[in-house]
Amino acid sequence: MVGQESAEALALEALAYILAREDLLSSFLAATGAGGAELRAGAGDPVFLAAVLDHLLGDDALVMGFAAEAGLPPLAVVEARSALPGGDLPNWT
């Protein structure tokens, strides 16, 4: 079981991964409606960090790419998401 602090750290890594790639950043900004101020403020907000992981988890290729770069198994992203706010809710999709 991943703790919230570890999950937040992984989500921050995922945010950095997204920010470093223009195509991923534009997709993330379009999906979330976030801007520069929200990105900065969101880095300390567990709900925003959950949204970062939700965005990654919406595309298998994103999860695999991030996990490979971070040296983590892809399941680590799922486990981290479950430790953040809303992660205990069932996924109906």
PDB file of N, CA and C in Angstrom:
ATOM      1  N   MET A   1       0.850  -1.189   0.000  1.00  0.00           N
ATOM      2  CA  MET A   1       0.000   0.000   0.000  1.00  0.00           C
ATOM      3  C   MET A   1       0.888   1.242   0.000  1.00  0.00           C
ATOM      4  N   VAL A   2       0.619   2.146  -0.896  1.00  0.00           N
ATOM      5  CA  VAL A   2       1.370   3.387  -1.031  1.00  0.00           C
ATOM      6  C   VAL A   2       0.743   4.437  -0.125  1.00  0.00           C
ATOM      7  N   GLY A   3       1.566   5.195   0.577  1.00  0.00           N
ATOM      8  CA  GLY A   3       1.067   6.280   1.405  1.00  0.00           C
ATOM      9  C   GLY A   3       0.838   7.533   0.580  1.00  0.00           C
ATOM     10  N   GLN A   4       0.092   8.469   1.142  1.00  0.00           N
ATOM     11  CA  GLN A   4      -0.234   9.684   0.397  1.00  0.00           C
ATOM     12  C   GLN A   4       1.018  10.486   0.060  1.00  0.00           C
ATOM     13  N   GLU A   5       1.974  10.549   0.976  1.00  0.00           N
ATOM     14  CA  GLU A   5       3.193  11.323   0.706  1.00  0.00           C
ATOM     15  C   GLU A   5       3.965  10.747  -0.476  1.00  0.00           C
ATOM     16  N   SER A   6       4.090   9.432  -0.522  1.00  0.00           N
ATOM     17  CA  SER A   6       4.775   8.784  -1.657  1.00  0.00           C
ATOM     18  C   SER A   6       3.996   8.982  -2.947  1.00  0.00           C
ATOM     19  N   ALA A   7       2.674   8.915  -2.848  1.00  0.00           N
ATOM     20  CA  ALA A   7       1.827   9.104  -4.019  1.00  0.00           C
ATOM     21  C   ALA A   7       1.968  10.528  -4.552  1.00  0.00           C
ATOM     22  N   GLU A   8       2.024  11.502  -3.659  1.00  0.00           N
ATOM     23  CA  GLU A   8       2.200  12.888  -4.088  1.00  0.00           C
ATOM     24  C   GLU A   8       3.552  13.076  -4.766  1.00  0.00           C
ATOM     25  N   ALA A   9       4.584  12.440  -4.239  1.00  0.00           N
ATOM     26  CA  ALA A   9       5.915  12.538  -4.841  1.00  0.00           C
ATOM     27  C   ALA A   9       5.913  11.954  -6.251  1.00  0.00           C
ATOM     28  N   LEU A  10       5.260  10.820  -6.425  1.00  0.00           N
ATOM     29  CA  LEU A  10       5.180  10.207  -7.746  1.00  0.00           C
ATOM     30  C   LEU A  10       4.378  11.103  -8.694  1.00  0.00           C
ATOM     31  N   ALA A  11       3.296  11.693  -8.201  1.00  0.00           N
ATOM     32  CA  ALA A  11       2.488  12.587  -9.033  1.00  0.00           C
ATOM     33  C   ALA A  11       3.280  13.828  -9.444  1.00  0.00           C
ATOM     34  N   LEU A  12       4.128  14.321  -8.558  1.00  0.00           N
ATOM     35  CA  LEU A  12       4.993  15.453  -8.917  1.00  0.00           C
ATOM     36  C   LEU A  12       5.970  15.056 -10.019  1.00  0.00           C
ATOM     37  N   GLU A  13       6.487  13.841  -9.952  1.00  0.00           N
ATOM     38  CA  GLU A  13       7.348  13.338 -11.022  1.00  0.00           C
ATOM     39  C   GLU A  13       6.574  13.275 -12.333  1.00  0.00           C
ATOM     40  N   ALA A  14       5.334  12.814 -12.241  1.00  0.00           N
ATOM     41  CA  ALA A  14       4.490  12.724 -13.434  1.00  0.00           C
ATOM     42  C   ALA A  14       4.206  14.118 -13.996  1.00  0.00           C
ATOM     43  N   LEU A  15       3.973  15.084 -13.129  1.00  0.00           N
ATOM     44  CA  LEU A  15       3.752  16.457 -13.582  1.00  0.00           C
ATOM     45  C   LEU A  15       4.993  16.983 -14.290  1.00  0.00           C
ATOM     46  N   ALA A  16       6.161  16.730 -13.744  1.00  0.00           N
ATOM     47  CA  ALA A  16       7.412  17.146 -14.380  1.00  0.00           C
ATOM     48  C   ALA A  16       7.568  16.474 -15.749  1.00  0.00           C
ATOM     49  N   TYR A  17       7.182  15.205 -15.835  1.00  0.00           N
ATOM     50  CA  TYR A  17       7.230  14.466 -17.096  1.00  0.00           C
ATOM     51  C   TYR A  17       6.343  15.158 -18.138  1.00  0.00           C
ATOM     52  N   ILE A  18       5.144  15.545 -17.729  1.00  0.00           N
ATOM     53  CA  ILE A  18       4.211  16.221 -18.628  1.00  0.00           C
ATOM     54  C   ILE A  18       4.744  17.603 -19.024  1.00  0.00           C
ATOM     55  N   LEU A  19       5.245  18.343 -18.048  1.00  0.00           N
ATOM     56  CA  LEU A  19       5.729  19.699 -18.317  1.00  0.00           C
ATOM     57  C   LEU A  19       6.920  19.717 -19.275  1.00  0.00           C
ATOM     58  N   ALA A  20       7.691  18.656 -19.289  1.00  0.00           N
ATOM     59  CA  ALA A  20       8.890  18.590 -20.127  1.00  0.00           C
ATOM     60  C   ALA A  20       8.581  18.247 -21.584  1.00  0.00           C
ATOM     61  N   ARG A  21       7.326  17.925 -21.872  1.00  0.00           N
ATOM     62  CA  ARG A  21       6.947  17.517 -23.233  1.00  0.00           C
ATOM     63  C   ARG A  21       5.807  18.400 -23.724  1.00  0.00           C
ATOM     64  N   GLU A  22       6.096  19.216 -24.702  1.00  0.00           N
ATOM     65  CA  GLU A  22       5.117  20.196 -25.198  1.00  0.00           C
ATOM     66  C   GLU A  22       3.808  19.550 -25.620  1.00  0.00           C
ATOM     67  N   ASP A  23       3.871  18.413 -26.324  1.00  0.00           N
ATOM     68  CA  ASP A  23       2.637  17.768 -26.777  1.00  0.00           C
ATOM     69  C   ASP A  23       1.806  17.280 -25.599  1.00  0.00           C
ATOM     70  N   LEU A  24       2.454  16.726 -24.592  1.00  0.00           N
ATOM     71  CA  LEU A  24       1.723  16.262 -23.407  1.00  0.00           C
ATOM     72  C   LEU A  24       1.196  17.432 -22.597  1.00  0.00           C
ATOM     73  N   LEU A  25       1.981  18.494 -22.514  1.00  0.00           N
ATOM     74  CA  LEU A  25       1.559  19.665 -21.758  1.00  0.00           C
ATOM     75  C   LEU A  25       0.325  20.297 -22.386  1.00  0.00           C
ATOM     76  N   SER A  26       0.336  20.468 -23.686  1.00  0.00           N
ATOM     77  CA  SER A  26      -0.825  21.095 -24.334  1.00  0.00           C
ATOM     78  C   SER A  26      -2.070  20.234 -24.171  1.00  0.00           C
ATOM     79  N   SER A  27      -1.915  18.934 -24.246  1.00  0.00           N
ATOM     80  CA  SER A  27      -3.041  18.019 -24.033  1.00  0.00           C
ATOM     81  C   SER A  27      -3.551  18.110 -22.599  1.00  0.00           C
ATOM     82  N   PHE A  28      -2.637  18.159 -21.639  1.00  0.00           N
ATOM     83  CA  PHE A  28      -3.017  18.254 -20.229  1.00  0.00           C
ATOM     84  C   PHE A  28      -3.728  19.574 -19.952  1.00  0.00           C
ATOM     85  N   LEU A  29      -3.193  20.662 -20.466  1.00  0.00           N
ATOM     86  CA  LEU A  29      -3.811  21.971 -20.252  1.00  0.00           C
ATOM     87  C   LEU A  29      -5.194  22.032 -20.884  1.00  0.00           C
ATOM     88  N   ALA A  30      -5.343  21.463 -22.058  1.00  0.00           N
ATOM     89  CA  ALA A  30      -6.646  21.448 -22.719  1.00  0.00           C
ATOM     90  C   ALA A  30      -7.657  20.608 -21.945  1.00  0.00           C
ATOM     91  N   ALA A  31      -7.200  19.485 -21.416  1.00  0.00           N
ATOM     92  CA  ALA A  31      -8.107  18.595 -20.679  1.00  0.00           C
ATOM     93  C   ALA A  31      -8.517  19.164 -19.332  1.00  0.00           C
ATOM     94  N   THR A  32      -7.607  19.875 -18.684  1.00  0.00           N
ATOM     95  CA  THR A  32      -7.881  20.355 -17.326  1.00  0.00           C
ATOM     96  C   THR A  32      -8.313  21.809 -17.268  1.00  0.00           C
ATOM     97  N   GLY A  33      -7.983  22.580 -18.295  1.00  0.00           N
ATOM     98  CA  GLY A  33      -8.258  24.006 -18.257  1.00  0.00           C
ATOM     99  C   GLY A  33      -7.293  24.765 -17.366  1.00  0.00           C
ATOM    100  N   ALA A  34      -6.265  24.095 -16.892  1.00  0.00           N
ATOM    101  CA  ALA A  34      -5.273  24.726 -16.017  1.00  0.00           C
ATOM    102  C   ALA A  34      -4.380  25.664 -16.816  1.00  0.00           C
ATOM    103  N   GLY A  35      -3.877  26.668 -16.124  1.00  0.00           N
ATOM    104  CA  GLY A  35      -2.906  27.586 -16.692  1.00  0.00           C
ATOM    105  C   GLY A  35      -1.667  27.589 -15.820  1.00  0.00           C
ATOM    106  N   GLY A  36      -0.782  28.520 -16.081  1.00  0.00           N
ATOM    107  CA  GLY A  36       0.480  28.586 -15.336  1.00  0.00           C
ATOM    108  C   GLY A  36       0.285  28.716 -13.838  1.00  0.00           C
ATOM    109  N   ALA A  37      -0.626  29.576 -13.421  1.00  0.00           N
ATOM    110  CA  ALA A  37      -0.859  29.781 -11.981  1.00  0.00           C
ATOM    111  C   ALA A  37      -1.404  28.518 -11.340  1.00  0.00           C
ATOM    112  N   GLU A  38      -2.316  27.851 -12.043  1.00  0.00           N
ATOM    113  CA  GLU A  38      -2.884  26.607 -11.492  1.00  0.00           C
ATOM    114  C   GLU A  38      -1.837  25.498 -11.412  1.00  0.00           C
ATOM    115  N   LEU A  39      -0.934  25.465 -12.370  1.00  0.00           N
ATOM    116  CA  LEU A  39       0.131  24.452 -12.325  1.00  0.00           C
ATOM    117  C   LEU A  39       1.013  24.656 -11.105  1.00  0.00           C
ATOM    118  N   ARG A  40       1.380  25.903 -10.853  1.00  0.00           N
ATOM    119  CA  ARG A  40       2.232  26.183  -9.689  1.00  0.00           C
ATOM    120  C   ARG A  40       1.491  25.874  -8.388  1.00  0.00           C
ATOM    121  N   ALA A  41       0.271  26.329  -8.275  1.00  0.00           N
ATOM    122  CA  ALA A  41      -0.510  26.082  -7.057  1.00  0.00           C
ATOM    123  C   ALA A  41      -0.841  24.604  -6.912  1.00  0.00           C
ATOM    124  N   GLY A  42      -1.110  23.954  -8.031  1.00  0.00           N
ATOM    125  CA  GLY A  42      -1.502  22.548  -8.006  1.00  0.00           C
ATOM    126  C   GLY A  42      -0.415  21.608  -7.544  1.00  0.00           C
ATOM    127  N   ALA A  43       0.820  22.022  -7.675  1.00  0.00           N
ATOM    128  CA  ALA A  43       1.927  21.160  -7.260  1.00  0.00           C
ATOM    129  C   ALA A  43       1.869  20.821  -5.777  1.00  0.00           C
ATOM    130  N   GLY A  44       1.166  21.625  -4.997  1.00  0.00           N
ATOM    131  CA  GLY A  44       1.034  21.348  -3.569  1.00  0.00           C
ATOM    132  C   GLY A  44      -0.345  20.873  -3.169  1.00  0.00           C
ATOM    133  N   ASP A  45      -1.198  20.602  -4.153  1.00  0.00           N
ATOM    134  CA  ASP A  45      -2.584  20.218  -3.895  1.00  0.00           C
ATOM    135  C   ASP A  45      -2.804  18.747  -4.255  1.00  0.00           C
ATOM    136  N   PRO A  46      -3.098  17.907  -3.264  1.00  0.00           N
ATOM    137  CA  PRO A  46      -3.300  16.487  -3.548  1.00  0.00           C
ATOM    138  C   PRO A  46      -4.415  16.203  -4.564  1.00  0.00           C
ATOM    139  N   VAL A  47      -5.444  17.043  -4.609  1.00  0.00           N
ATOM    140  CA  VAL A  47      -6.521  16.844  -5.574  1.00  0.00           C
ATOM    141  C   VAL A  47      -6.022  17.109  -6.992  1.00  0.00           C
ATOM    142  N   PHE A  48      -5.230  18.156  -7.167  1.00  0.00           N
ATOM    143  CA  PHE A  48      -4.644  18.451  -8.475  1.00  0.00           C
ATOM    144  C   PHE A  48      -3.677  17.340  -8.877  1.00  0.00           C
ATOM    145  N   LEU A  49      -2.880  16.880  -7.938  1.00  0.00           N
ATOM    146  CA  LEU A  49      -1.935  15.806  -8.249  1.00  0.00           C
ATOM    147  C   LEU A  49      -2.668  14.531  -8.644  1.00  0.00           C
ATOM    148  N   ALA A  50      -3.823  14.294  -8.037  1.00  0.00           N
ATOM    149  CA  ALA A  50      -4.651  13.154  -8.450  1.00  0.00           C
ATOM    150  C   ALA A  50      -5.095  13.332  -9.899  1.00  0.00           C
ATOM    151  N   ALA A  51      -5.434  14.556 -10.276  1.00  0.00           N
ATOM    152  CA  ALA A  51      -5.836  14.831 -11.658  1.00  0.00           C
ATOM    153  C   ALA A  51      -4.686  14.583 -12.627  1.00  0.00           C
ATOM    154  N   VAL A  52      -3.477  14.866 -12.200  1.00  0.00           N
ATOM    155  CA  VAL A  52      -2.299  14.588 -13.041  1.00  0.00           C
ATOM    156  C   VAL A  52      -2.225  13.089 -13.317  1.00  0.00           C
ATOM    157  N   LEU A  53      -2.368  12.291 -12.276  1.00  0.00           N
ATOM    158  CA  LEU A  53      -2.308  10.838 -12.468  1.00  0.00           C
ATOM    159  C   LEU A  53      -3.503  10.338 -13.257  1.00  0.00           C
ATOM    160  N   ASP A  54      -4.679  10.920 -13.035  1.00  0.00           N
ATOM    161  CA  ASP A  54      -5.852  10.546 -13.830  1.00  0.00           C
ATOM    162  C   ASP A  54      -5.585  10.785 -15.313  1.00  0.00           C
ATOM    163  N   HIS A  55      -4.950  11.911 -15.613  1.00  0.00           N
ATOM    164  CA  HIS A  55      -4.631  12.225 -17.003  1.00  0.00           C
ATOM    165  C   HIS A  55      -3.702  11.167 -17.596  1.00  0.00           C
ATOM    166  N   LEU A  56      -2.676  10.813 -16.866  1.00  0.00           N
ATOM    167  CA  LEU A  56      -1.763   9.767 -17.352  1.00  0.00           C
ATOM    168  C   LEU A  56      -2.494   8.446 -17.542  1.00  0.00           C
ATOM    169  N   LEU A  57      -3.322   8.105 -16.567  1.00  0.00           N
ATOM    170  CA  LEU A  57      -4.001   6.817 -16.605  1.00  0.00           C
ATOM    171  C   LEU A  57      -5.050   6.733 -17.703  1.00  0.00           C
ATOM    172  N   GLY A  58      -5.380   7.851 -18.312  1.00  0.00           N
ATOM    173  CA  GLY A  58      -6.327   7.845 -19.415  1.00  0.00           C
ATOM    174  C   GLY A  58      -5.735   7.339 -20.719  1.00  0.00           C
ATOM    175  N   ASP A  59      -4.430   7.089 -20.737  1.00  0.00           N
ATOM    176  CA  ASP A  59      -3.764   6.651 -21.970  1.00  0.00           C
ATOM    177  C   ASP A  59      -2.636   5.690 -21.593  1.00  0.00           C
ATOM    178  N   ASP A  60      -2.783   4.454 -22.010  1.00  0.00           N
ATOM    179  CA  ASP A  60      -1.780   3.436 -21.678  1.00  0.00           C
ATOM    180  C   ASP A  60      -0.374   3.838 -22.105  1.00  0.00           C
ATOM    181  N   ALA A  61      -0.253   4.477 -23.264  1.00  0.00           N
ATOM    182  CA  ALA A  61       1.070   4.871 -23.749  1.00  0.00           C
ATOM    183  C   ALA A  61       1.709   5.900 -22.820  1.00  0.00           C
ATOM    184  N   LEU A  62       0.900   6.806 -22.269  1.00  0.00           N
ATOM    185  CA  LEU A  62       1.442   7.788 -21.320  1.00  0.00           C
ATOM    186  C   LEU A  62       1.929   7.107 -20.056  1.00  0.00           C
ATOM    187  N   VAL A  63       1.144   6.178 -19.554  1.00  0.00           N
ATOM    188  CA  VAL A  63       1.546   5.457 -18.343  1.00  0.00           C
ATOM    189  C   VAL A  63       2.847   4.705 -18.592  1.00  0.00           C
ATOM    190  N   MET A  64       2.906   4.002 -19.698  1.00  0.00           N
ATOM    191  CA  MET A  64       4.098   3.210 -20.008  1.00  0.00           C
ATOM    192  C   MET A  64       5.326   4.101 -20.206  1.00  0.00           C
ATOM    193  N   GLY A  65       5.157   5.211 -20.895  1.00  0.00           N
ATOM    194  CA  GLY A  65       6.275   6.121 -21.121  1.00  0.00           C
ATOM    195  C   GLY A  65       6.780   6.734 -19.828  1.00  0.00           C
ATOM    196  N   PHE A  66       5.865   7.197 -18.994  1.00  0.00           N
ATOM    197  CA  PHE A  66       6.262   7.777 -17.722  1.00  0.00           C
ATOM    198  C   PHE A  66       6.927   6.728 -16.839  1.00  0.00           C
ATOM    199  N   ALA A  67       6.307   5.569 -16.728  1.00  0.00           N
ATOM    200  CA  ALA A  67       6.857   4.516 -15.868  1.00  0.00           C
ATOM    201  C   ALA A  67       8.257   4.113 -16.318  1.00  0.00           C
ATOM    202  N   ALA A  68       8.449   3.985 -17.611  1.00  0.00           N
ATOM    203  CA  ALA A  68       9.769   3.608 -18.130  1.00  0.00           C
ATOM    204  C   ALA A  68      10.803   4.675 -17.784  1.00  0.00           C
ATOM    205  N   GLU A  69      10.442   5.939 -17.986  1.00  0.00           N
ATOM    206  CA  GLU A  69      11.398   7.014 -17.690  1.00  0.00           C
ATOM    207  C   GLU A  69      11.692   7.106 -16.198  1.00  0.00           C
ATOM    208  N   ALA A  70      10.685   6.869 -15.377  1.00  0.00           N
ATOM    209  CA  ALA A  70      10.851   6.969 -13.924  1.00  0.00           C
ATOM    210  C   ALA A  70      11.458   5.704 -13.321  1.00  0.00           C
ATOM    211  N   GLY A  71      11.589   4.652 -14.126  1.00  0.00           N
ATOM    212  CA  GLY A  71      12.140   3.398 -13.631  1.00  0.00           C
ATOM    213  C   GLY A  71      11.191   2.685 -12.679  1.00  0.00           C
ATOM    214  N   LEU A  72       9.901   2.809 -12.959  1.00  0.00           N
ATOM    215  CA  LEU A  72       8.873   2.220 -12.102  1.00  0.00           C
ATOM    216  C   LEU A  72       8.026   1.242 -12.897  1.00  0.00           C
ATOM    217  N   PRO A  73       7.426   0.283 -12.216  1.00  0.00           N
ATOM    218  CA  PRO A  73       6.450  -0.544 -12.919  1.00  0.00           C
ATOM    219  C   PRO A  73       5.192   0.296 -13.165  1.00  0.00           C
ATOM    220  N   PRO A  74       4.512   0.106 -14.285  1.00  0.00           N
ATOM    221  CA  PRO A  74       3.304   0.883 -14.562  1.00  0.00           C
ATOM    222  C   PRO A  74       2.256   0.801 -13.450  1.00  0.00           C
ATOM    223  N   LEU A  75       2.200  -0.302 -12.771  1.00  0.00           N
ATOM    224  CA  LEU A  75       1.228  -0.459 -11.685  1.00  0.00           C
ATOM    225  C   LEU A  75       1.472   0.546 -10.560  1.00  0.00           C
ATOM    226  N   ALA A  76       2.681   1.061 -10.451  1.00  0.00           N
ATOM    227  CA  ALA A  76       2.986   2.056  -9.410  1.00  0.00           C
ATOM    228  C   ALA A  76       2.134   3.309  -9.587  1.00  0.00           C
ATOM    229  N   VAL A  77       1.809   3.656 -10.829  1.00  0.00           N
ATOM    230  CA  VAL A  77       0.975   4.827 -11.091  1.00  0.00           C
ATOM    231  C   VAL A  77      -0.435   4.577 -10.564  1.00  0.00           C
ATOM    232  N   VAL A  78      -0.953   3.398 -10.811  1.00  0.00           N
ATOM    233  CA  VAL A  78      -2.291   3.025 -10.324  1.00  0.00           C
ATOM    234  C   VAL A  78      -2.311   3.027  -8.800  1.00  0.00           C
ATOM    235  N   GLU A  79      -1.297   2.453  -8.199  1.00  0.00           N
ATOM    236  CA  GLU A  79      -1.238   2.397  -6.737  1.00  0.00           C
ATOM    237  C   GLU A  79      -1.142   3.800  -6.138  1.00  0.00           C
ATOM    238  N   ALA A  80      -0.359   4.663  -6.755  1.00  0.00           N
ATOM    239  CA  ALA A  80      -0.243   6.037  -6.267  1.00  0.00           C
ATOM    240  C   ALA A  80      -1.587   6.749  -6.386  1.00  0.00           C
ATOM    241  N   ARG A  81      -2.260   6.547  -7.502  1.00  0.00           N
ATOM    242  CA  ARG A  81      -3.556   7.207  -7.687  1.00  0.00           C
ATOM    243  C   ARG A  81      -4.551   6.785  -6.608  1.00  0.00           C
ATOM    244  N   SER A  82      -4.501   5.530  -6.225  1.00  0.00           N
ATOM    245  CA  SER A  82      -5.446   5.039  -5.218  1.00  0.00           C
ATOM    246  C   SER A  82      -5.204   5.659  -3.849  1.00  0.00           C
ATOM    247  N   ALA A  83      -4.005   6.201  -3.620  1.00  0.00           N
ATOM    248  CA  ALA A  83      -3.669   6.794  -2.324  1.00  0.00           C
ATOM    249  C   ALA A  83      -4.008   8.288  -2.254  1.00  0.00           C
ATOM    250  N   LEU A  84      -4.415   8.869  -3.371  1.00  0.00           N
ATOM    251  CA  LEU A  84      -4.750  10.287  -3.413  1.00  0.00           C
ATOM    252  C   LEU A  84      -6.267  10.472  -3.339  1.00  0.00           C
ATOM    253  N   PRO A  85      -6.719  11.684  -3.054  1.00  0.00           N
ATOM    254  CA  PRO A  85      -8.152  11.931  -2.911  1.00  0.00           C
ATOM    255  C   PRO A  85      -8.946  11.420  -4.123  1.00  0.00           C
ATOM    256  N   GLY A  86     -10.016  10.697  -3.838  1.00  0.00           N
ATOM    257  CA  GLY A  86     -10.863  10.126  -4.884  1.00  0.00           C
ATOM    258  C   GLY A  86     -10.385   8.805  -5.408  1.00  0.00           C
ATOM    259  N   GLY A  87      -9.230   8.364  -4.985  1.00  0.00           N
ATOM    260  CA  GLY A  87      -8.667   7.111  -5.485  1.00  0.00           C
ATOM    261  C   GLY A  87      -9.373   5.876  -4.985  1.00  0.00           C
ATOM    262  N   ASP A  88     -10.164   6.031  -3.967  1.00  0.00           N
ATOM    263  CA  ASP A  88     -10.885   4.872  -3.437  1.00  0.00           C
ATOM    264  C   ASP A  88     -12.262   4.711  -4.086  1.00  0.00           C
ATOM    265  N   LEU A  89     -12.588   5.611  -5.024  1.00  0.00           N
ATOM    266  CA  LEU A  89     -13.874   5.521  -5.702  1.00  0.00           C
ATOM    267  C   LEU A  89     -13.794   4.514  -6.828  1.00  0.00           C
ATOM    268  N   PRO A  90     -14.880   3.808  -7.099  1.00  0.00           N
ATOM    269  CA  PRO A  90     -14.841   2.834  -8.211  1.00  0.00           C
ATOM    270  C   PRO A  90     -14.751   3.531  -9.549  1.00  0.00           C
ATOM    271  N   ASN A  91     -14.090   2.894 -10.488  1.00  0.00           N
ATOM    272  CA  ASN A  91     -13.966   3.413 -11.842  1.00  0.00           C
ATOM    273  C   ASN A  91     -15.050   2.740 -12.680  1.00  0.00           C
ATOM    274  N   TRP A  92     -16.001   3.508 -13.162  1.00  0.00           N
ATOM    275  CA  TRP A  92     -17.138   2.966 -13.898  1.00  0.00           C
ATOM    276  C   TRP A  92     -16.936   2.991 -15.390  1.00  0.00           C
ATOM    277  N   THR A  93     -15.772   3.404 -15.870  1.00  0.00           N
ATOM    278  CA  THR A  93     -15.582   3.463 -17.319  1.00  0.00           C
ATOM    279  C   THR A  93     -15.051   2.178 -17.877  1.00  0.00           C
TER     280      THR A  93
END
